[in-house]
């Protein structure tokens, strides 16, 4: 087994598939002993259980490729010219193209491509950089000296296999591993017919929730027959069984180690650079694999199980957060335990600078975006999509789950 293990010690703000994808593919399932054959491609017969186990146990692989991400979430159209380029906010709707590179360990690069612009994230161990070509701005994230020493100690544990492997790359590989790695008992798993993704033969693992109330209809993970790497993840809502509400897949992929020059970051000539020191979070534990098995931050509660799970946070001033008020970050759940309320406010102001330079949100009017994506309801504001509902109440609570908005409203009224 490869002893070089990837850890979840990224010091930057998470660049990941949006929360809709996390909720949709991060639920639990169990695979019944059903067989399916791929004789048309000469692939060996395999059970869903065996395929799921192969995906879960496969070591992270070096890779590079082009990823297309498409969201059909039924959200209102975002009428802002500011997001016409390469901006992460575009992941809320339409199709986006990304180039990804990883050495399978702690070095990676992701480039979100726009028609005439690019937004890049580069990680090298405890350091990370973002670059927005729209404002020609670089943000460099690093650790304090004390956290750097703790990172190196945790890295040694990871290399010894004493920490779980986790990644936050927005790739089909990571989304598929989430769908398989958080397996429990709230879905059935079968195999669909063999397919081809990015020119590679693949099995298709179909995850179907047993819940009658979740918005999610099914998830299909196309798994590379040779490497057990997920090549494509498609998520259907119950409202539309013909077209996936969310899909992310490789259009081309190579499992060779990328060149060092690709994984190294070099600031473009003439770009501005801002340095941000970030706190090192606690590493994940095996016990934290599901919400009901880990200690929740103060002010956070979890209701329901499996696909019907609803996460509720209280004491939040969402309007102030959306407007970019750093002081509002002081009340975010768990910040006192992590790095202190003032530290939260300081860090928030660094991630959302007043001029927007280097921020993932750019100069986007976040208040207008919030008003566009949500609708007024008696309890406050509701975001409804094909796969996820989020309710922001007037009394400072946020409820989210892969359930209808009416379910969140009923819970909020209790």
Protein backbone atom coordinates (compact mmCIF):
# COMPACT_ATOMS: atom_id res chain seq x y z
CA UNK A 1 0.00 0.00 0.00
CA UNK A 2 1.23 3.47 -0.85
CA UNK A 3 2.33 5.06 2.42
CA UNK A 4 2.03 8.57 1.02
CA UNK A 5 -1.34 9.61 2.42
CA UNK A 6 -3.35 12.71 1.62
CA UNK A 7 -4.58 14.69 4.64
CA UNK A 8 -7.41 17.14 5.24
CA UNK A 9 -5.19 19.93 6.45
CA UNK A 10 -5.90 22.51 3.77
CA UNK A 11 -5.31 25.94 5.33
CA UNK A 12 -7.48 27.78 2.84
CA UNK A 13 -11.20 28.28 2.56
CA UNK A 14 -12.68 25.14 1.06
CA UNK A 15 -12.81 25.07 -2.73
CA UNK A 16 -15.27 22.28 -3.27
CA UNK A 17 -18.34 21.10 -5.10
CA UNK A 18 -21.14 23.31 -3.71
CA UNK A 19 -23.04 22.25 -0.63
CA UNK A 20 -25.79 20.82 -2.81
CA UNK A 21 -23.38 18.20 -4.09
CA UNK A 22 -22.09 17.44 -0.60
CA UNK A 23 -25.61 16.82 0.66
CA UNK A 24 -26.60 14.88 -2.43
CA UNK A 25 -23.66 12.49 -2.58
CA UNK A 26 -22.66 12.45 1.08
CA UNK A 27 -25.56 10.36 2.41
CA UNK A 28 -25.51 6.74 3.58
CA UNK A 29 -26.38 3.55 1.75
CA UNK A 30 -26.02 -0.20 1.89
CA UNK A 31 -25.38 -2.44 -1.12
CA UNK A 32 -27.61 -5.52 -1.49
CA UNK A 33 -26.03 -8.67 -2.99
CA UNK A 34 -27.17 -7.96 -6.56
CA UNK A 35 -25.08 -8.95 -9.55
CA UNK A 36 -24.73 -7.15 -12.85
CA UNK A 37 -22.62 -8.03 -15.83
CA UNK A 38 -20.69 -5.95 -18.31
CA UNK A 39 -20.19 -8.68 -20.86
CA UNK A 40 -20.64 -6.22 -23.75
CA UNK A 41 -17.25 -4.73 -22.88
CA UNK A 42 -15.64 -7.89 -21.59
CA UNK A 43 -15.38 -6.51 -18.07
CA UNK A 44 -15.49 -9.00 -15.20
CA UNK A 45 -18.78 -9.51 -13.37
CA UNK A 46 -18.80 -7.68 -10.04
CA UNK A 47 -21.25 -7.08 -7.22
CA UNK A 48 -22.26 -3.59 -6.07
CA UNK A 49 -20.67 -4.35 -2.71
CA UNK A 50 -17.37 -5.29 -4.32
CA UNK A 51 -17.34 -2.19 -6.51
CA UNK A 52 -18.18 0.12 -3.60
CA UNK A 53 -15.42 -1.48 -1.53
CA UNK A 54 -12.90 -1.00 -4.34
CA UNK A 55 -13.72 2.70 -4.62
CA UNK A 56 -13.55 3.21 -0.85
CA UNK A 57 -10.22 1.43 -0.45
CA UNK A 58 -8.42 2.74 -3.52
CA UNK A 59 -5.44 4.98 -2.79
CA UNK A 60 -5.63 8.54 -4.18
CA UNK A 61 -4.04 8.55 -7.61
CA UNK A 62 -1.96 11.15 -9.41
CA UNK A 63 -4.11 12.53 -12.20
CA UNK A 64 -4.79 15.40 -14.53
CA UNK A 65 -7.70 16.14 -16.77
CA UNK A 66 -10.59 18.31 -17.84
CA UNK A 67 -13.76 18.30 -15.75
CA UNK A 68 -17.14 19.61 -16.81
CA UNK A 69 -19.53 20.53 -14.02
CA UNK A 70 -23.21 21.16 -14.83
CA UNK A 71 -25.90 22.30 -12.41
CA UNK A 72 -29.60 22.30 -13.28
CA UNK A 73 -30.86 23.10 -9.80
CA UNK A 74 -33.86 25.17 -10.75
CA UNK A 75 -32.45 28.29 -9.09
CA UNK A 76 -33.37 31.75 -10.37
CA UNK A 77 -31.10 33.06 -13.10
CA UNK A 78 -28.27 35.15 -11.72
CA UNK A 79 -28.47 38.44 -13.69
CA UNK A 80 -25.08 39.81 -12.76
CA UNK A 81 -22.52 40.73 -15.38
CA UNK A 82 -19.83 40.43 -12.72
CA UNK A 83 -20.06 36.65 -12.82
CA UNK A 84 -19.77 36.25 -16.57
CA UNK A 85 -16.17 35.16 -16.26
CA UNK A 86 -14.43 32.43 -14.29
CA UNK A 87 -16.06 32.84 -10.87
CA UNK A 88 -16.96 30.06 -8.40
CA UNK A 89 -20.46 31.54 -8.06
CA UNK A 90 -21.13 30.24 -11.58
CA UNK A 91 -21.15 26.73 -10.15
CA UNK A 92 -24.69 27.44 -8.93
CA UNK A 93 -26.06 27.11 -12.44
CA UNK A 94 -25.16 26.17 -16.01
CA UNK A 95 -21.98 24.44 -17.11
CA UNK A 96 -18.43 25.20 -16.02
CA UNK A 97 -15.14 23.75 -17.19
CA UNK A 98 -12.21 23.06 -14.87
CA UNK A 99 -8.73 21.76 -15.37
CA UNK A 100 -7.40 19.70 -12.44
CA UNK A 101 -4.00 18.33 -11.53
CA UNK A 102 -2.97 16.32 -8.46
CA UNK A 103 0.07 14.35 -7.39
CA UNK A 104 -2.22 12.10 -5.30
CA UNK A 105 -0.73 13.52 -2.12
CA UNK A 106 -0.62 17.19 -0.99
CA UNK A 107 0.01 19.10 -4.18
CA UNK A 108 -2.80 20.09 -6.50
CA UNK A 109 -4.04 22.74 -8.89
CA UNK A 110 -7.57 23.56 -10.00
CA UNK A 111 -8.35 26.12 -12.70
CA UNK A 112 -11.94 27.24 -13.26
CA UNK A 113 -12.05 28.46 -16.85
CA UNK A 114 -14.21 31.25 -18.21
CA UNK A 115 -14.47 32.50 -21.81
CA UNK A 116 -11.73 35.08 -21.20
CA UNK A 117 -10.72 34.55 -17.58
CA UNK A 118 -9.51 32.01 -15.04
CA UNK A 119 -9.81 31.44 -11.30
CA UNK A 120 -7.12 29.11 -9.93
CA UNK A 121 -6.40 27.41 -6.63
CA UNK A 122 -2.99 25.84 -5.99
CA UNK A 123 -2.17 23.84 -2.85
CA UNK A 124 1.26 22.70 -1.74
CA UNK A 125 1.05 21.07 1.69
CA UNK A 126 0.24 23.74 4.30
CA UNK A 127 0.29 26.59 1.77
CA UNK A 128 -2.25 27.61 -0.84
CA UNK A 129 -2.69 30.34 -3.42
CA UNK A 130 -5.68 31.65 -5.33
CA UNK A 131 -5.47 33.75 -8.47
CA UNK A 132 -8.27 35.65 -10.15
CA UNK A 133 -7.40 36.89 -13.63
CA UNK A 134 -10.44 39.20 -13.60
CA UNK A 135 -8.80 41.47 -11.00
CA UNK A 136 -5.23 40.16 -11.46
CA UNK A 137 -5.02 39.38 -7.74
CA UNK A 138 -3.20 36.64 -5.80
CA UNK A 139 -4.04 35.58 -2.26
CA UNK A 140 -1.43 33.51 -0.42
CA UNK A 141 -2.68 31.43 2.54
CA UNK A 142 -0.20 30.08 5.10
CA UNK A 143 0.03 28.95 8.73
CA UNK A 144 1.52 30.57 11.79
CA UNK A 145 4.79 29.12 13.09
CA UNK A 146 2.96 27.21 15.84
CA UNK A 147 0.39 25.77 13.45
CA UNK A 148 3.14 24.91 10.97
CA UNK A 149 4.80 22.75 13.64
CA UNK A 150 1.45 21.08 14.40
CA UNK A 151 0.87 20.49 10.70
CA UNK A 152 4.20 18.71 10.38
CA UNK A 153 3.35 16.49 13.35
CA UNK A 154 -0.04 15.62 11.85
CA UNK A 155 1.60 14.98 8.50
CA UNK A 156 3.85 12.41 10.14
CA UNK A 157 0.75 10.72 11.61
CA UNK A 158 -0.90 10.69 8.20
CA UNK A 159 2.14 9.11 6.58
CA UNK A 160 2.02 6.43 9.28
CA UNK A 161 -1.62 5.74 8.40
CA UNK A 162 -2.92 7.11 11.71
CA UNK A 163 -5.25 9.70 10.13
CA UNK A 164 -8.04 9.16 7.60
CA UNK A 165 -7.49 10.21 4.00
CA UNK A 166 -9.56 13.12 2.78
CA UNK A 167 -9.43 15.59 -0.08
CA UNK A 168 -11.32 18.68 -1.14
CA UNK A 169 -10.58 18.73 -4.86
CA UNK A 170 -13.74 19.42 -6.91
CA UNK A 171 -13.40 16.31 -9.06
CA UNK A 172 -15.56 13.31 -9.95
CA UNK A 173 -13.01 11.25 -8.02
CA UNK A 174 -13.66 13.11 -4.76
CA UNK A 175 -17.44 13.38 -5.23
CA UNK A 176 -17.63 9.65 -5.96
CA UNK A 177 -15.54 8.78 -2.93
CA UNK A 178 -17.90 10.84 -0.78
CA UNK A 179 -20.88 8.90 -2.12
CA UNK A 180 -19.20 5.59 -1.41
CA UNK A 181 -17.16 6.46 1.68
CA UNK A 182 -20.11 7.63 3.79
CA UNK A 183 -22.01 4.38 3.31
CA UNK A 184 -24.65 3.50 5.90
CA UNK A 185 -28.18 2.11 5.63
CA UNK A 186 -30.49 4.54 3.87
CA UNK A 187 -30.20 3.53 0.21
CA UNK A 188 -30.06 0.56 -2.08
CA UNK A 189 -27.16 0.13 -4.47
CA UNK A 190 -27.26 -1.66 -7.81
CA UNK A 191 -25.20 -1.72 -10.98
CA UNK A 192 -26.32 -0.20 -14.26
CA UNK A 193 -24.95 -1.13 -17.67
CA UNK A 194 -21.27 -0.57 -18.40
CA UNK A 195 -20.41 2.77 -19.99
CA UNK A 196 -17.47 4.79 -21.25
CA UNK A 197 -16.29 8.08 -19.72
CA UNK A 198 -13.35 10.09 -21.03
CA UNK A 199 -12.50 7.17 -23.31
CA UNK A 200 -12.25 4.67 -20.44
CA UNK A 201 -14.47 1.65 -19.73
CA UNK A 202 -16.43 2.10 -16.51
CA UNK A 203 -18.94 0.37 -14.27
CA UNK A 204 -21.94 2.38 -13.06
CA UNK A 205 -22.90 2.24 -9.39
CA UNK A 206 -26.50 3.41 -8.81
CA UNK A 207 -27.40 4.73 -5.33
CA UNK A 208 -31.17 5.03 -4.72
CA UNK A 209 -32.42 6.54 -1.45
CA UNK A 210 -35.06 4.54 0.41
CA UNK A 211 -36.52 7.75 1.86
CA UNK A 212 -39.93 8.84 0.54
CA UNK A 213 -39.37 12.48 1.40
CA UNK A 214 -35.88 13.38 0.18
CA UNK A 215 -35.50 15.51 -2.94
CA UNK A 216 -32.80 13.21 -4.28
CA UNK A 217 -33.98 10.53 -6.69
CA UNK A 218 -30.76 8.64 -7.39
CA UNK A 219 -27.01 9.02 -7.82
CA UNK A 220 -25.01 7.26 -10.52
CA UNK A 221 -21.23 6.98 -10.09
CA UNK A 222 -19.24 5.86 -13.14
CA UNK A 223 -16.18 4.00 -11.83
CA UNK A 224 -13.07 3.39 -13.91
CA UNK A 225 -12.75 -0.37 -14.42
CA UNK A 226 -8.96 -0.30 -14.15
CA UNK A 227 -8.17 2.12 -11.32
CA UNK A 228 -11.51 2.13 -9.37
CA UNK A 229 -11.46 5.93 -9.67
CA UNK A 230 -14.85 7.65 -10.04
CA UNK A 231 -14.89 9.33 -13.44
CA UNK A 232 -18.36 10.86 -13.33
CA UNK A 233 -21.06 11.53 -10.75
CA UNK A 234 -24.66 12.32 -11.74
CA UNK A 235 -27.39 13.26 -9.28
CA UNK A 236 -31.07 13.15 -10.23
CA UNK A 237 -33.87 14.82 -8.34
CA UNK A 238 -37.23 13.13 -7.87
CA UNK A 239 -38.82 16.01 -9.77
CA UNK A 240 -36.96 15.17 -13.01
CA UNK A 241 -36.00 11.59 -13.75
CA UNK A 242 -34.80 12.34 -17.29
CA UNK A 243 -32.00 14.86 -16.78
CA UNK A 244 -29.54 14.96 -13.85
CA UNK A 245 -29.83 18.04 -11.65
CA UNK A 246 -26.12 17.93 -10.97
CA UNK A 247 -23.25 16.19 -12.76
CA UNK A 248 -19.50 16.39 -12.70
CA UNK A 249 -17.34 14.28 -14.96
CA UNK A 250 -14.02 14.02 -16.74
CA UNK A 251 -13.99 14.64 -20.47
CA UNK A 252 -10.34 13.62 -20.57
CA UNK A 253 -8.13 12.17 -17.87
CA UNK A 254 -4.58 10.89 -17.39
CA UNK A 255 -3.28 9.03 -14.35
CA UNK A 256 0.33 10.12 -14.88
CA UNK A 257 1.95 12.38 -12.26
CA UNK A 258 1.74 16.03 -13.38
CA UNK A 259 4.95 17.92 -14.02
CA UNK A 260 6.40 19.87 -11.10
CA UNK A 261 6.06 23.08 -13.10
CA UNK A 262 2.29 22.58 -13.24
CA UNK A 263 1.90 22.01 -9.50
CA UNK A 264 4.19 24.87 -8.46
CA UNK A 265 2.66 28.33 -8.08
CA UNK A 266 4.20 31.40 -9.64
CA UNK A 267 2.44 34.76 -9.38
CA UNK A 268 1.76 36.29 -12.80
CA UNK A 269 3.85 39.35 -13.56
CA UNK A 270 2.21 42.55 -12.40
CA UNK A 271 -0.42 40.87 -10.19
CA UNK A 272 -1.13 42.10 -6.68
CA UNK A 273 -0.47 39.72 -3.75
CA UNK A 274 -2.17 39.57 -0.36
CA UNK A 275 -0.90 37.32 2.47
CA UNK A 276 -3.38 35.70 4.86
CA UNK A 277 -2.44 33.62 7.91
CA UNK A 278 -5.16 31.05 8.61
CA UNK A 279 -5.76 28.78 11.60
CA UNK A 280 -5.13 25.07 11.26
CA UNK A 281 -8.34 23.10 11.91
CA UNK A 282 -8.41 19.90 13.88
CA UNK A 283 -7.89 16.85 11.64
CA UNK A 284 -10.89 14.62 10.89
CA UNK A 285 -11.27 11.40 12.84
CA UNK A 286 -12.87 8.12 11.94
CA UNK A 287 -15.55 8.90 14.53
CA UNK A 288 -16.46 12.03 12.59
CA UNK A 289 -17.58 10.10 9.51
CA UNK A 290 -21.25 10.98 10.04
CA UNK A 291 -23.08 13.82 11.82
CA UNK A 292 -24.53 11.56 14.52
CA UNK A 293 -21.08 10.30 15.51
CA UNK A 294 -19.20 13.56 16.05
CA UNK A 295 -19.34 16.40 18.50
CA UNK A 296 -21.29 19.27 16.98
CA UNK A 297 -20.35 22.93 17.48
CA UNK A 298 -22.39 24.88 19.99
CA UNK A 299 -25.58 26.14 18.38
CA UNK A 300 -25.77 23.34 15.81
CA UNK A 301 -28.30 20.50 15.96
CA UNK A 302 -29.07 17.62 13.63
CA UNK A 303 -32.58 16.26 13.10
CA UNK A 304 -33.47 13.10 11.19
CA UNK A 305 -31.19 10.49 9.64
CA UNK A 306 -29.86 9.52 6.24
CA UNK A 307 -31.36 11.47 3.36
CA UNK A 308 -33.84 13.15 5.72
CA UNK A 309 -31.09 14.75 7.81
CA UNK A 310 -31.64 18.43 8.58
CA UNK A 311 -28.83 20.54 10.01
CA UNK A 312 -29.87 23.60 12.03
CA UNK A 313 -27.62 26.41 13.23
CA UNK A 314 -28.82 29.18 15.52
CA UNK A 315 -27.67 32.63 16.57
CA UNK A 316 -26.59 33.77 13.09
CA UNK A 317 -26.95 37.20 11.52
CA UNK A 318 -27.14 35.93 7.94
CA UNK A 319 -27.99 39.33 6.49
CA UNK A 320 -24.81 40.81 7.99
CA UNK A 321 -22.71 37.90 6.80
CA UNK A 322 -24.09 38.22 3.28
CA UNK A 323 -23.41 41.96 3.36
CA UNK A 324 -19.78 41.24 4.28
CA UNK A 325 -19.76 42.46 7.90
CA UNK A 326 -16.74 40.78 9.60
CA UNK A 327 -18.25 41.27 13.06
CA UNK A 328 -21.05 38.86 12.16
CA UNK A 329 -18.48 36.05 11.87
CA UNK A 330 -17.91 36.16 15.62
CA UNK A 331 -21.17 34.27 16.18
CA UNK A 332 -20.56 31.48 13.68
CA UNK A 333 -21.03 28.08 15.38
CA UNK A 334 -17.81 26.68 16.80
CA UNK A 335 -15.55 29.68 16.23
CA UNK A 336 -14.78 30.08 19.95
CA UNK A 337 -13.56 26.49 20.08
CA UNK A 338 -11.56 26.87 16.90
CA UNK A 339 -9.70 30.16 17.01
CA UNK A 340 -11.70 32.76 18.91
CA UNK A 341 -14.41 35.19 17.93
CA UNK A 342 -12.07 38.05 17.09
CA UNK A 343 -9.95 35.67 15.04
CA UNK A 344 -13.08 34.66 13.13
CA UNK A 345 -13.91 38.26 12.34
CA UNK A 346 -10.34 39.02 11.26
CA UNK A 347 -10.17 35.97 9.02
CA UNK A 348 -13.58 36.71 7.52
CA UNK A 349 -12.46 40.23 6.62
CA UNK A 350 -9.40 38.76 4.91
CA UNK A 351 -11.45 36.34 2.83
CA UNK A 352 -13.98 39.03 1.90
CA UNK A 353 -11.93 42.22 1.45
CA UNK A 354 -13.80 45.46 0.85
CA UNK A 355 -12.44 45.88 -2.67
CA UNK A 356 -13.13 42.22 -3.55
CA UNK A 357 -9.62 41.76 -4.97
CA UNK A 358 -8.72 38.09 -4.94
CA UNK A 359 -12.00 37.12 -3.26
CA UNK A 360 -13.92 34.21 -4.79
CA UNK A 361 -16.94 36.57 -4.87
CA UNK A 362 -15.06 39.34 -6.66
CA UNK A 363 -17.07 42.58 -6.68
CA UNK A 364 -20.38 40.71 -6.83
CA UNK A 365 -23.29 42.36 -4.99
CA UNK A 366 -23.83 39.55 -2.47
CA UNK A 367 -26.92 41.17 -0.96
CA UNK A 368 -28.60 41.30 -4.37
CA UNK A 369 -27.54 37.70 -4.99
CA UNK A 370 -29.07 36.64 -1.67
CA UNK A 371 -32.34 38.37 -2.52
CA UNK A 372 -32.39 36.78 -5.98
CA UNK A 373 -31.77 33.22 -4.82
CA UNK A 374 -34.21 33.26 -1.90
CA UNK A 375 -37.92 34.01 -1.56
CA UNK A 376 -39.84 35.51 1.33
CA UNK A 377 -41.77 33.03 3.53
CA UNK A 378 -43.50 33.56 6.90
CA UNK A 379 -40.41 32.28 8.74
CA UNK A 380 -37.88 34.41 6.82
CA UNK A 381 -36.17 33.57 3.49
CA UNK A 382 -36.19 30.23 1.67
CA UNK A 383 -33.82 28.88 -0.97
CA UNK A 384 -35.41 26.02 -2.90
CA UNK A 385 -33.53 23.92 -5.44
CA UNK A 386 -33.89 20.55 -7.09
CA UNK A 387 -31.67 18.87 -4.49
CA UNK A 388 -31.41 21.12 -1.44
CA UNK A 389 -33.53 23.50 0.61
CA UNK A 390 -32.19 26.19 2.95
CA UNK A 391 -34.37 28.21 5.31
CA UNK A 392 -33.03 31.39 6.94
CA UNK A 393 -35.37 32.46 9.73
CA UNK A 394 -35.90 35.97 11.03
CA UNK A 395 -34.78 34.86 14.51
CA UNK A 396 -31.27 33.91 13.38
CA UNK A 397 -31.57 30.23 12.49
CA UNK A 398 -30.44 28.44 9.33
CA UNK A 399 -31.93 25.04 8.45
CA UNK A 400 -30.66 22.99 5.52
CA UNK A 401 -31.38 19.54 4.10
CA UNK A 402 -32.08 17.51 0.97
CA UNK A 403 -35.79 17.81 1.77
CA UNK A 404 -38.65 20.04 0.60
CA UNK A 405 -38.77 23.58 1.94
CA UNK A 406 -42.07 22.85 3.64
CA UNK A 407 -40.30 20.28 5.82
CA UNK A 408 -37.84 22.90 7.02
CA UNK A 409 -40.64 25.38 7.65
CA UNK A 410 -42.55 22.84 9.74
CA UNK A 411 -39.44 22.10 11.82
CA UNK A 412 -38.71 25.80 12.32
CA UNK A 413 -42.23 26.31 13.66
CA UNK A 414 -41.84 23.68 16.37
